[in-house]
C-alpha atoms as a PDB file:
ATOM      1  CA  MET A   1      78.746 -78.579-107.089  1.00  0.00           C
ATOM      2  CA  VAL A   2      78.864 -79.001-106.608  1.00  0.00           C
ATOM      3  CA  SER A   3      75.638 -77.903-105.212  1.00  0.00           C
ATOM      4  CA  ILE A   4      76.584 -76.504-101.848  1.00  0.00           C
ATOM      5  CA  THR A   5      75.403 -74.108 -99.195  1.00  0.00           C
ATOM      6  CA  TRP A   6      78.608 -72.700 -97.816  1.00  0.00           C
ATOM      7  CA  LYS A   7      78.156 -71.254 -94.346  1.00  0.00           C
ATOM      8  CA  LYS A   8      80.626 -69.244 -92.381  1.00  0.00           C
ATOM      9  CA  HIS A   9      82.250 -71.497 -89.868  1.00  0.00           C
ATOM     10  CA  ARG A  10      82.114 -70.461 -86.261  1.00  0.00           C
ATOM     11  CA  THR A  11      85.212 -68.870 -84.765  1.00  0.00           C
ATOM     12  CA  PHE A  12      86.923 -70.576 -81.867  1.00  0.00           C
ATOM     13  CA  SER A  13      87.883 -69.047 -78.572  1.00  0.00           C
ATOM     14  CA  ARG A  14      89.962 -70.863 -75.991  1.00  0.00           C
ATOM     15  CA  PRO A  15      87.927 -73.863 -74.781  1.00  0.00           C
ATOM     16  CA  GLN A  16      86.418 -73.115 -71.388  1.00  0.00           C
ATOM     17  CA  THR A  17      84.014 -75.998 -70.953  1.00  0.00           C
ATOM     18  CA  HIS A  18      83.800 -79.680 -71.682  1.00  0.00           C
ATOM     19  CA  GLN A  19      81.118 -78.926 -74.276  1.00  0.00           C
ATOM     20  CA  ASN A  20      83.466 -76.607 -76.180  1.00  0.00           C
ATOM     21  CA  VAL A  21      86.168 -79.269 -76.161  1.00  0.00           C
ATOM     22  CA  VAL A  22      83.707 -81.793 -77.570  1.00  0.00           C
ATOM     23  CA  HIS A  23      82.745 -79.373 -80.363  1.00  0.00           C
ATOM     24  CA  PHE A  24      86.405 -78.757 -81.147  1.00  0.00           C
ATOM     25  CA  LEU A  25      87.218 -82.461 -81.253  1.00  0.00           C
ATOM     26  CA  SER A  26      84.134 -83.058 -83.389  1.00  0.00           C
ATOM     27  CA  ASP A  27      85.462 -80.646 -85.995  1.00  0.00           C
ATOM     28  CA  TRP A  28      88.802 -82.408 -86.062  1.00  0.00           C
ATOM     29  CA  GLN A  29      86.985 -85.691 -86.548  1.00  0.00           C
ATOM     30  CA  TRP A  30      85.325 -84.131 -89.591  1.00  0.00           C
ATOM     31  CA  VAL A  31      88.708 -82.950 -90.850  1.00  0.00           C
ATOM     32  CA  LYS A  32      89.970 -86.521 -90.595  1.00  0.00           C
ATOM     33  CA  GLN A  33      86.861 -87.828 -92.356  1.00  0.00           C
ATOM     34  CA  ILE A  34      87.225 -85.289 -95.178  1.00  0.00           C
ATOM     35  CA  LYS A  35      90.913 -86.044 -95.699  1.00  0.00           C
ATOM     36  CA  GLN A  36      90.227 -89.774 -95.786  1.00  0.00           C
ATOM     37  CA  ALA A  37      87.379 -89.269 -98.257  1.00  0.00           C
ATOM     38  CA  LEU A  38      89.685 -87.272-100.512  1.00  0.00           C
ATOM     39  CA  SER A  39      92.439 -89.869-100.407  1.00  0.00           C
ATOM     40  CA  GLU A  40      90.004 -92.765-100.937  1.00  0.00           C
ATOM     41  CA  ASN A  41      87.884 -91.008-103.585  1.00  0.00           C
ATOM     42  CA  ARG A  42      84.687 -91.188-101.531  1.00  0.00           C
ATOM     43  CA  PHE A  43      83.135 -87.932-102.685  1.00  0.00           C
ATOM     44  CA  CYS A  44      80.355 -88.696-105.152  1.00  0.00           C
ATOM     45  CA  LEU A  45      78.089 -86.648-107.387  1.00  0.00           C
ATOM     46  CA  TYR A  46      74.320 -86.647-107.673  1.00  0.00           C
ATOM     47  CA  LEU A  47      72.125 -84.819-110.163  1.00  0.00           C
ATOM     48  CA  GLN A  48      68.768 -83.121-109.723  1.00  0.00           C
ATOM     49  CA  GLU A  49      66.918 -82.141-112.869  1.00  0.00           C
ATOM     50  CA  ILE A  50      65.756 -78.558-113.362  1.00  0.00           C
ATOM     51  CA  THR A  51      62.569 -78.944-115.386  1.00  0.00           C
ATOM     52  CA  PRO A  52      61.652 -76.616-118.284  1.00  0.00           C
ATOM     53  CA  LEU A  53      58.102 -75.257-117.985  1.00  0.00           C
ATOM     54  CA  THR A  54      57.434 -73.104-121.014  1.00  0.00           C
ATOM     55  CA  THR A  55      58.725 -75.220-123.903  1.00  0.00           C
ATOM     56  CA  LEU A  56      60.458 -78.535-124.416  1.00  0.00           C
ATOM     57  CA  ASP A  57      62.822 -76.818-126.843  1.00  0.00           C
ATOM     58  CA  TYR A  58      64.707 -75.238-123.938  1.00  0.00           C
ATOM     59  CA  ARG A  59      67.993 -76.832-123.059  1.00  0.00           C
ATOM     60  CA  ARG A  60      67.611 -79.179-120.102  1.00  0.00           C
ATOM     61  CA  PHE A  61      69.358 -78.591-116.824  1.00  0.00           C
ATOM     62  CA  SER A  62      70.770 -80.657-113.993  1.00  0.00           C
ATOM     63  CA  GLU A  63      72.236 -79.320-110.781  1.00  0.00           C
ATOM     64  CA  VAL A  64      75.311 -81.156-109.542  1.00  0.00           C
ATOM     65  CA  LEU A  65      75.035 -82.145-105.876  1.00  0.00           C
ATOM     66  CA  LEU A  66      77.865 -83.327-103.652  1.00  0.00           C
ATOM     67  CA  ARG A  67      77.735 -86.214-101.168  1.00  0.00           C
ATOM     68  CA  LEU A  68      80.381 -87.773 -98.938  1.00  0.00           C
ATOM     69  CA  ARG A  69      80.224 -91.555 -98.718  1.00  0.00           C
ATOM     70  CA  THR A  70      81.454 -92.855 -95.368  1.00  0.00           C
ATOM     71  CA  GLU A  71      83.401 -96.064 -94.847  1.00  0.00           C
ATOM     72  CA  ASN A  72      80.053 -97.633 -93.885  1.00  0.00           C
ATOM     73  CA  ASN A  73      78.505 -96.515 -97.194  1.00  0.00           C
ATOM     74  CA  GLN A  74      76.336 -93.841 -95.603  1.00  0.00           C
ATOM     75  CA  LEU A  75      75.789 -90.693 -97.660  1.00  0.00           C
ATOM     76  CA  ILE A  76      76.497 -87.421 -95.858  1.00  0.00           C
ATOM     77  CA  SER A  77      74.980 -84.124 -96.953  1.00  0.00           C
ATOM     78  CA  PRO A  78      77.444 -81.269 -97.578  1.00  0.00           C
ATOM     79  CA  ALA A  79      75.631 -79.178 -94.971  1.00  0.00           C
ATOM     80  CA  ARG A  80      77.268 -81.439 -92.385  1.00  0.00           C
ATOM     81  CA  PHE A  81      80.899 -80.936 -93.338  1.00  0.00           C
ATOM     82  CA  LEU A  82      81.500 -78.051 -95.746  1.00  0.00           C
ATOM     83  CA  GLY A  83      81.629 -75.417 -93.025  1.00  0.00           C
ATOM     84  CA  VAL A  84      84.492 -77.342 -91.441  1.00  0.00           C
ATOM     85  CA  ALA A  85      86.162 -77.800 -94.834  1.00  0.00           C
ATOM     86  CA  GLU A  86      85.989 -74.059 -95.442  1.00  0.00           C
ATOM     87  CA  HIS A  87      87.388 -73.218 -91.994  1.00  0.00           C
ATOM     88  CA  TYR A  88      90.312 -75.636 -92.299  1.00  0.00           C
ATOM     89  CA  ASN A  89      91.196 -74.745 -95.911  1.00  0.00           C
ATOM     90  CA  LEU A  90      90.081 -78.049 -97.402  1.00  0.00           C
ATOM     91  CA  SER A  91      87.351 -76.668 -99.642  1.00  0.00           C
ATOM     92  CA  SER A  92      89.614 -76.037-102.637  1.00  0.00           C
ATOM     93  CA  GLN A  93      90.701 -79.686-102.626  1.00  0.00           C
ATOM     94  CA  ILE A  94      87.073 -80.791-102.591  1.00  0.00           C
ATOM     95  CA  GLU A  95      86.234 -78.390-105.419  1.00  0.00           C
ATOM     96  CA  ARG A  96      89.044 -79.739-107.587  1.00  0.00           C
ATOM     97  CA  ARG A  97      87.984 -83.322-106.968  1.00  0.00           C
ATOM     98  CA  VAL A  98      84.399 -82.537-107.889  1.00  0.00           C
ATOM     99  CA  ILE A  99      85.377 -80.681-111.065  1.00  0.00           C
ATOM    100  CA  THR A 100      87.651 -83.506-112.212  1.00  0.00           C
ATOM    101  CA  THR A 101      85.008 -86.156-111.495  1.00  0.00           C
ATOM    102  CA  LEU A 102      82.302 -84.206-113.301  1.00  0.00           C
ATOM    103  CA  PHE A 103      84.399 -83.410-116.351  1.00  0.00           C
ATOM    104  CA  GLU A 104      85.665 -86.989-116.651  1.00  0.00           C
ATOM    105  CA  GLN A 105      82.066 -88.199-116.822  1.00  0.00           C
ATOM    106  CA  LEU A 106      81.034 -85.469-119.246  1.00  0.00           C
ATOM    107  CA  ALA A 107      83.894 -86.414-121.555  1.00  0.00           C
ATOM    108  CA  GLN A 108      82.523 -89.979-121.721  1.00  0.00           C
ATOM    109  CA  ALA A 109      78.855 -89.006-122.089  1.00  0.00           C
ATOM    110  CA  PRO A 110      76.833 -89.749-125.234  1.00  0.00           C
ATOM    111  CA  THR A 111      76.808 -86.900-127.742  1.00  0.00           C
ATOM    112  CA  HIS A 112      73.038 -86.318-127.494  1.00  0.00           C
ATOM    113  CA  ILE A 113      73.395 -85.681-123.743  1.00  0.00           C
ATOM    114  CA  LEU A 114      75.993 -82.999-124.272  1.00  0.00           C
ATOM    115  CA  GLU A 115      74.044 -81.362-127.093  1.00  0.00           C
ATOM    116  CA  ASN A 116      70.835 -81.035-125.091  1.00  0.00           C
ATOM    117  CA  HIS A 117      71.922 -80.497-121.506  1.00  0.00           C
ATOM    118  CA  ARG A 118      73.619 -78.096-119.132  1.00  0.00           C
ATOM    119  CA  PHE A 119      75.078 -78.787-115.683  1.00  0.00           C
ATOM    120  CA  SER A 120      75.074 -76.218-112.906  1.00  0.00           C
ATOM    121  CA  ILE A 121      77.749 -75.964-110.228  1.00  0.00           C
ATOM    122  CA  ASN A 122      77.566 -73.708-107.195  1.00  0.00           C
ATOM    123  CA  LEU A 123      80.407 -71.259-106.706  1.00  0.00           C
ATOM    124  CA  SER A 124      81.673 -71.418-103.146  1.00  0.00           C
ATOM    125  CA  PRO A 125      83.668 -68.683-101.394  1.00  0.00           C
ATOM    126  CA  ALA A 126      86.766 -70.701-102.297  1.00  0.00           C
ATOM    127  CA  TYR A 127      86.260 -69.862-105.979  1.00  0.00           C
ATOM    128  CA  LEU A 128      86.106 -66.139-105.336  1.00  0.00           C
ATOM    129  CA  ARG A 129      89.228 -66.183-103.185  1.00  0.00           C
ATOM    130  CA  ASP A 130      91.398 -68.482-105.252  1.00  0.00           C
ATOM    131  CA  ASP A 131      92.079 -67.566-108.887  1.00  0.00           C
ATOM    132  CA  ARG A 132      93.883 -70.878-109.275  1.00  0.00           C
ATOM    133  CA  LEU A 133      90.576 -72.728-109.002  1.00  0.00           C
ATOM    134  CA  PHE A 134      89.238 -70.951-112.073  1.00  0.00           C
ATOM    135  CA  GLU A 135      92.428 -71.638-113.997  1.00  0.00           C
ATOM    136  CA  TYR A 136      92.124 -75.279-112.952  1.00  0.00           C
ATOM    137  CA  ILE A 137      88.571 -75.371-114.309  1.00  0.00           C
ATOM    138  CA  HIS A 138      89.585 -73.808-117.616  1.00  0.00           C
ATOM    139  CA  ALA A 139      92.498 -76.245-117.926  1.00  0.00           C
ATOM    140  CA  GLN A 140      90.196 -79.211-117.245  1.00  0.00           C
ATOM    141  CA  VAL A 141      87.666 -78.020-119.834  1.00  0.00           C
ATOM    142  CA  SER A 142      90.469 -77.818-122.377  1.00  0.00           C
ATOM    143  CA  GLU A 143      91.978 -81.168-121.385  1.00  0.00           C
ATOM    144  CA  PHE A 144      88.675 -83.029-121.698  1.00  0.00           C
ATOM    145  CA  GLU A 145      87.736 -81.079-124.854  1.00  0.00           C
ATOM    146  CA  LEU A 146      84.427 -79.883-123.415  1.00  0.00           C
ATOM    147  CA  SER A 147      82.388 -76.880-124.449  1.00  0.00           C
ATOM    148  CA  PRO A 148      82.200 -74.239-121.682  1.00  0.00           C
ATOM    149  CA  ASP A 149      78.547 -73.823-122.670  1.00  0.00           C
ATOM    150  CA  LEU A 150      77.865 -77.128-120.896  1.00  0.00           C
ATOM    151  CA  ILE A 151      78.509 -75.515-117.516  1.00  0.00           C
ATOM    152  CA  CYS A 152      76.441 -73.001-115.596  1.00  0.00           C
ATOM    153  CA  PHE A 153      78.041 -71.538-112.482  1.00  0.00           C
ATOM    154  CA  GLU A 154      75.688 -70.532-109.672  1.00  0.00           C
ATOM    155  CA  ILE A 155      76.609 -67.808-107.212  1.00  0.00           C
ATOM    156  CA  SER A 156      74.385 -67.195-104.196  1.00  0.00           C
ATOM    157  CA  GLU A 157      72.841 -63.782-103.725  1.00  0.00           C
ATOM    158  CA  ARG A 158      74.392 -63.549-100.262  1.00  0.00           C
ATOM    159  CA  LEU A 159      77.877 -64.292-101.565  1.00  0.00           C
ATOM    160  CA  ALA A 160      77.489 -61.851-104.457  1.00  0.00           C
ATOM    161  CA  LEU A 161      76.396 -59.040-102.158  1.00  0.00           C
ATOM    162  CA  GLU A 162      79.361 -59.583 -99.832  1.00  0.00           C
ATOM    163  CA  ASN A 163      81.613 -58.328-102.633  1.00  0.00           C
ATOM    164  CA  LEU A 164      79.510 -57.077-105.516  1.00  0.00           C
ATOM    165  CA  ARG A 165      82.407 -55.809-107.622  1.00  0.00           C
ATOM    166  CA  LEU A 166      84.358 -59.068-107.324  1.00  0.00           C
ATOM    167  CA  ALA A 167      81.260 -61.120-108.089  1.00  0.00           C
ATOM    168  CA  SER A 168      80.543 -58.971-111.143  1.00  0.00           C
ATOM    169  CA  ASP A 169      84.122 -59.353-112.383  1.00  0.00           C
ATOM    170  CA  VAL A 170      84.048 -63.129-111.882  1.00  0.00           C
ATOM    171  CA  ILE A 171      80.729 -63.521-113.701  1.00  0.00           C
ATOM    172  CA  THR A 172      81.891 -61.318-116.572  1.00  0.00           C
ATOM    173  CA  ASP A 173      85.105 -63.330-116.918  1.00  0.00           C
ATOM    174  CA  LEU A 174      83.214 -66.631-116.923  1.00  0.00           C
ATOM    175  CA  GLN A 175      80.797 -65.442-119.580  1.00  0.00           C
ATOM    176  CA  THR A 176      83.660 -64.134-121.704  1.00  0.00           C
ATOM    177  CA  ARG A 177      85.083 -67.661-121.630  1.00  0.00           C
ATOM    178  CA  GLY A 178      81.760 -69.145-122.757  1.00  0.00           C
ATOM    179  CA  TYR A 179      80.195 -70.338-119.482  1.00  0.00           C
ATOM    180  CA  CYS A 180      76.705 -69.465-118.261  1.00  0.00           C
ATOM    181  CA  CYS A 181      75.967 -67.989-114.836  1.00  0.00           C
ATOM    182  CA  ALA A 182      73.003 -68.001-112.458  1.00  0.00           C
ATOM    183  CA  LEU A 183      72.172 -66.009-109.340  1.00  0.00           C
ATOM    184  CA  ASP A 184      71.067 -68.500-106.682  1.00  0.00           C
ATOM    185  CA  ASP A 185      68.629 -67.848-103.804  1.00  0.00           C
ATOM    186  CA  CYS A 186      67.425 -64.651-105.427  1.00  0.00           C
ATOM    187  CA  GLY A 187      65.153 -62.654-103.108  1.00  0.00           C
ATOM    188  CA  SER A 188      66.942 -63.479 -99.865  1.00  0.00           C
ATOM    189  CA  ASN A 189      67.978 -59.819 -99.675  1.00  0.00           C
ATOM    190  CA  MET A 190      64.709 -57.941 -99.986  1.00  0.00           C
ATOM    191  CA  SER A 191      66.038 -54.438 -99.313  1.00  0.00           C
ATOM    192  CA  SER A 192      66.699 -53.754-102.994  1.00  0.00           C
ATOM    193  CA  PHE A 193      67.114 -55.459-106.346  1.00  0.00           C
ATOM    194  CA  THR A 194      69.278 -52.657-107.712  1.00  0.00           C
ATOM    195  CA  TYR A 195      72.322 -54.934-107.522  1.00  0.00           C
ATOM    196  CA  LEU A 196      70.917 -57.022-110.388  1.00  0.00           C
ATOM    197  CA  LYS A 197      72.061 -54.309-112.790  1.00  0.00           C
ATOM    198  CA  TYR A 198      75.669 -55.106-111.870  1.00  0.00           C
ATOM    199  CA  LEU A 199      75.505 -58.901-112.120  1.00  0.00           C
ATOM    200  CA  PRO A 200      75.378 -59.984-115.781  1.00  0.00           C
ATOM    201  CA  VAL A 201      73.900 -63.424-115.103  1.00  0.00           C
ATOM    202  CA  ASP A 202      71.821 -65.570-117.462  1.00  0.00           C
ATOM    203  CA  TYR A 203      69.444 -67.068-114.889  1.00  0.00           C
ATOM    204  CA  LEU A 204      67.735 -66.096-111.634  1.00  0.00           C
ATOM    205  CA  LYS A 205      66.954 -68.903-109.177  1.00  0.00           C
ATOM    206  CA  ILE A 206      64.231 -67.771-106.777  1.00  0.00           C
ATOM    207  CA  SER A 207      64.846 -68.706-103.142  1.00  0.00           C
ATOM    208  CA  GLU A 208      62.783 -71.689-102.034  1.00  0.00           C
ATOM    209  CA  ARG A 209      61.757 -69.825 -98.854  1.00  0.00           C
ATOM    210  CA  PHE A 210      59.277 -67.908-101.030  1.00  0.00           C
ATOM    211  CA  VAL A 211      58.373 -70.647-103.487  1.00  0.00           C
ATOM    212  CA  LYS A 212      57.440 -73.233-100.846  1.00  0.00           C
ATOM    213  CA  LYS A 213      54.790 -71.018 -99.237  1.00  0.00           C
ATOM    214  CA  MET A 214      53.439 -69.139-102.228  1.00  0.00           C
ATOM    215  CA  GLY A 215      50.277 -71.270-102.246  1.00  0.00           C
ATOM    216  CA  GLN A 216      49.300 -70.052 -98.767  1.00  0.00           C
ATOM    217  CA  ASP A 217      51.049 -66.697 -98.444  1.00  0.00           C
ATOM    218  CA  ILE A 218      50.047 -63.917-100.826  1.00  0.00           C
ATOM    219  CA  THR A 219      53.204 -61.939 -99.993  1.00  0.00           C
ATOM    220  CA  ASP A 220      55.497 -64.822-100.935  1.00  0.00           C
ATOM    221  CA  LYS A 221      53.574 -65.290-104.166  1.00  0.00           C
ATOM    222  CA  ALA A 222      53.924 -61.573-104.930  1.00  0.00           C
ATOM    223  CA  ILE A 223      57.695 -61.780-104.360  1.00  0.00           C
ATOM    224  CA  VAL A 224      57.981 -64.737-106.739  1.00  0.00           C
ATOM    225  CA  GLU A 225      55.918 -62.847-109.308  1.00  0.00           C
ATOM    226  CA  LEU A 226      58.062 -59.722-108.876  1.00  0.00           C
ATOM    227  CA  ILE A 227      61.361 -61.558-109.332  1.00  0.00           C
ATOM    228  CA  ASN A 228      59.983 -63.342-112.378  1.00  0.00           C
ATOM    229  CA  TYR A 229      58.873 -60.000-113.845  1.00  0.00           C
ATOM    230  CA  LEU A 230      62.269 -58.419-113.170  1.00  0.00           C
ATOM    231  CA  GLY A 231      64.107 -61.368-114.674  1.00  0.00           C
ATOM    232  CA  GLN A 232      62.039 -61.496-117.832  1.00  0.00           C
ATOM    233  CA  SER A 233      62.243 -57.707-118.213  1.00  0.00           C
ATOM    234  CA  MET A 234      66.038 -58.045-118.148  1.00  0.00           C
ATOM    235  CA  GLY A 235      66.023 -60.875-120.683  1.00  0.00           C
ATOM    236  CA  LEU A 236      66.906 -63.519-118.076  1.00  0.00           C
ATOM    237  CA  GLN A 237      65.410 -66.950-117.550  1.00  0.00           C
ATOM    238  CA  VAL A 238      63.878 -67.579-114.136  1.00  0.00           C
ATOM    239  CA  ILE A 239      63.963 -70.798-112.096  1.00  0.00           C
ATOM    240  CA  ALA A 240      61.744 -71.594-109.093  1.00  0.00           C
ATOM    241  CA  LYS A 241      63.462 -73.674-106.403  1.00  0.00           C
ATOM    242  CA  GLY A 242      61.662 -75.717-103.746  1.00  0.00           C
ATOM    243  CA  VAL A 243      58.801 -77.016-105.896  1.00  0.00           C
ATOM    244  CA  GLU A 244      57.702 -79.879-103.657  1.00  0.00           C
ATOM    245  CA  ASN A 245      54.043 -80.475-104.485  1.00  0.00           C
ATOM    246  CA  GLU A 246      51.537 -80.220-107.322  1.00  0.00           C
ATOM    247  CA  GLU A 247      49.975 -77.014-105.994  1.00  0.00           C
ATOM    248  CA  ILE A 248      53.270 -75.118-106.091  1.00  0.00           C
ATOM    249  CA  PHE A 249      54.118 -76.592-109.481  1.00  0.00           C
ATOM    250  CA  ASN A 250      50.845 -75.307-110.927  1.00  0.00           C
ATOM    251  CA  GLU A 251      51.388 -71.891-109.319  1.00  0.00           C
ATOM    252  CA  VAL A 252      54.851 -71.332-110.799  1.00  0.00           C
ATOM    253  CA  LYS A 253      53.755 -72.665-114.174  1.00  0.00           C
ATOM    254  CA  ALA A 254      50.776 -70.294-114.227  1.00  0.00           C
ATOM    255  CA  LEU A 255      53.084 -67.353-113.489  1.00  0.00           C
ATOM    256  CA  GLY A 256      55.113 -68.176-116.593  1.00  0.00           C
ATOM    257  CA  LEU A 257      58.440 -69.066-114.985  1.00  0.00           C
ATOM    258  CA  ASP A 258      60.919 -70.772-117.282  1.00  0.00           C
ATOM    259  CA  TYR A 259      62.070 -73.644-115.049  1.00  0.00           C
ATOM    260  CA  ALA A 260      61.177 -75.390-111.799  1.00  0.00           C
ATOM    261  CA  GLN A 261      63.304 -77.459-109.436  1.00  0.00           C
ATOM    262  CA  GLY A 262      62.281 -79.558-106.447  1.00  0.00           C
ATOM    263  CA  TYR A 263      61.457 -82.992-105.091  1.00  0.00           C
ATOM    264  CA  TYR A 264      58.003 -83.014-106.689  1.00  0.00           C
ATOM    265  CA  LEU A 265      59.636 -82.978-110.102  1.00  0.00           C
ATOM    266  CA  SER A 266      62.916 -84.804-109.573  1.00  0.00           C
ATOM    267  CA  GLN A 267      64.660 -86.614-106.746  1.00  0.00           C
ATOM    268  CA  PRO A 268      68.471 -86.362-106.733  1.00  0.00           C
ATOM    269  CA  LYS A 269      69.973 -89.363-108.514  1.00  0.00           C
ATOM    270  CA  LYS A 270      73.498 -90.689-108.567  1.00  0.00           C
ATOM    271  CA  MET A 271      75.251 -89.270-111.590  1.00  0.00           C
ATOM    272  CA  ASN A 272      75.023 -91.653-114.537  1.00  0.00           C
ATOM    273  CA  LEU A 273      75.110 -89.863-117.868  1.00  0.00           C
ATOM    274  CA  SER A 274      74.368 -92.992-119.869  1.00  0.00           C
ATOM    275  CA  ARG A 275      70.874 -93.039-118.300  1.00  0.00           C
ATOM    276  CA  LEU A 276      70.112 -89.383-117.722  1.00  0.00           C
ATOM    277  CA  PHE A 277      66.481 -88.903-116.703  1.00  0.00           C
END
């Protein structure tokens, strides 16, 4: 992902004001834009590298990011339209298009790329609700003769906690089939980390809200250090998100985290596996 932040779409009451009508029409304009983009194949994929910190022997990572290209060749962030797609039941179509596009490119990639890389895709609520999406993914992996080990599925902490048992079952099933899994935005729920015992993931991705300020805020730094300690104690690899300057990079490296991700290290680039980083 499809790297996506899926937000609950607002619920609609009967329009009472002109402003409400405008908001309603605006959503329908997005629906039209999304449907046109699907029919004209205007969803495109970008990659952002997740940089190994402890050893160059670690397998390299890239997170798959989604963009919508308008008819005027402007790139639209998923934060602008995915809430509407979710509300109007278009998200599954987008997911399928992204999966097909990604796997087609992976099937044509040089062998050394596939041997030394992994690609992470965010699991949206659509995945957890629709078993057919998972079967579609498995069928595509088989069709393109790809190794499941190439793919790491990310599930956000918030989404996992909404239905812990379902999330645990999904992660277990994916790992049984050979995929890797990561818990994204780890630390957003600070009430307890007990839930980690029930989510058999391979990676923890620390929320950027803590990473970005750890150079100035001792509490944020302590939270990053705690999550890293928990992850390593459980045999997991830990990734710091939101590394946007040299100071933060040096901080997370000094703490012994396994990977770092952010604009300081890698800007998102249009997916081109023949020239990968």
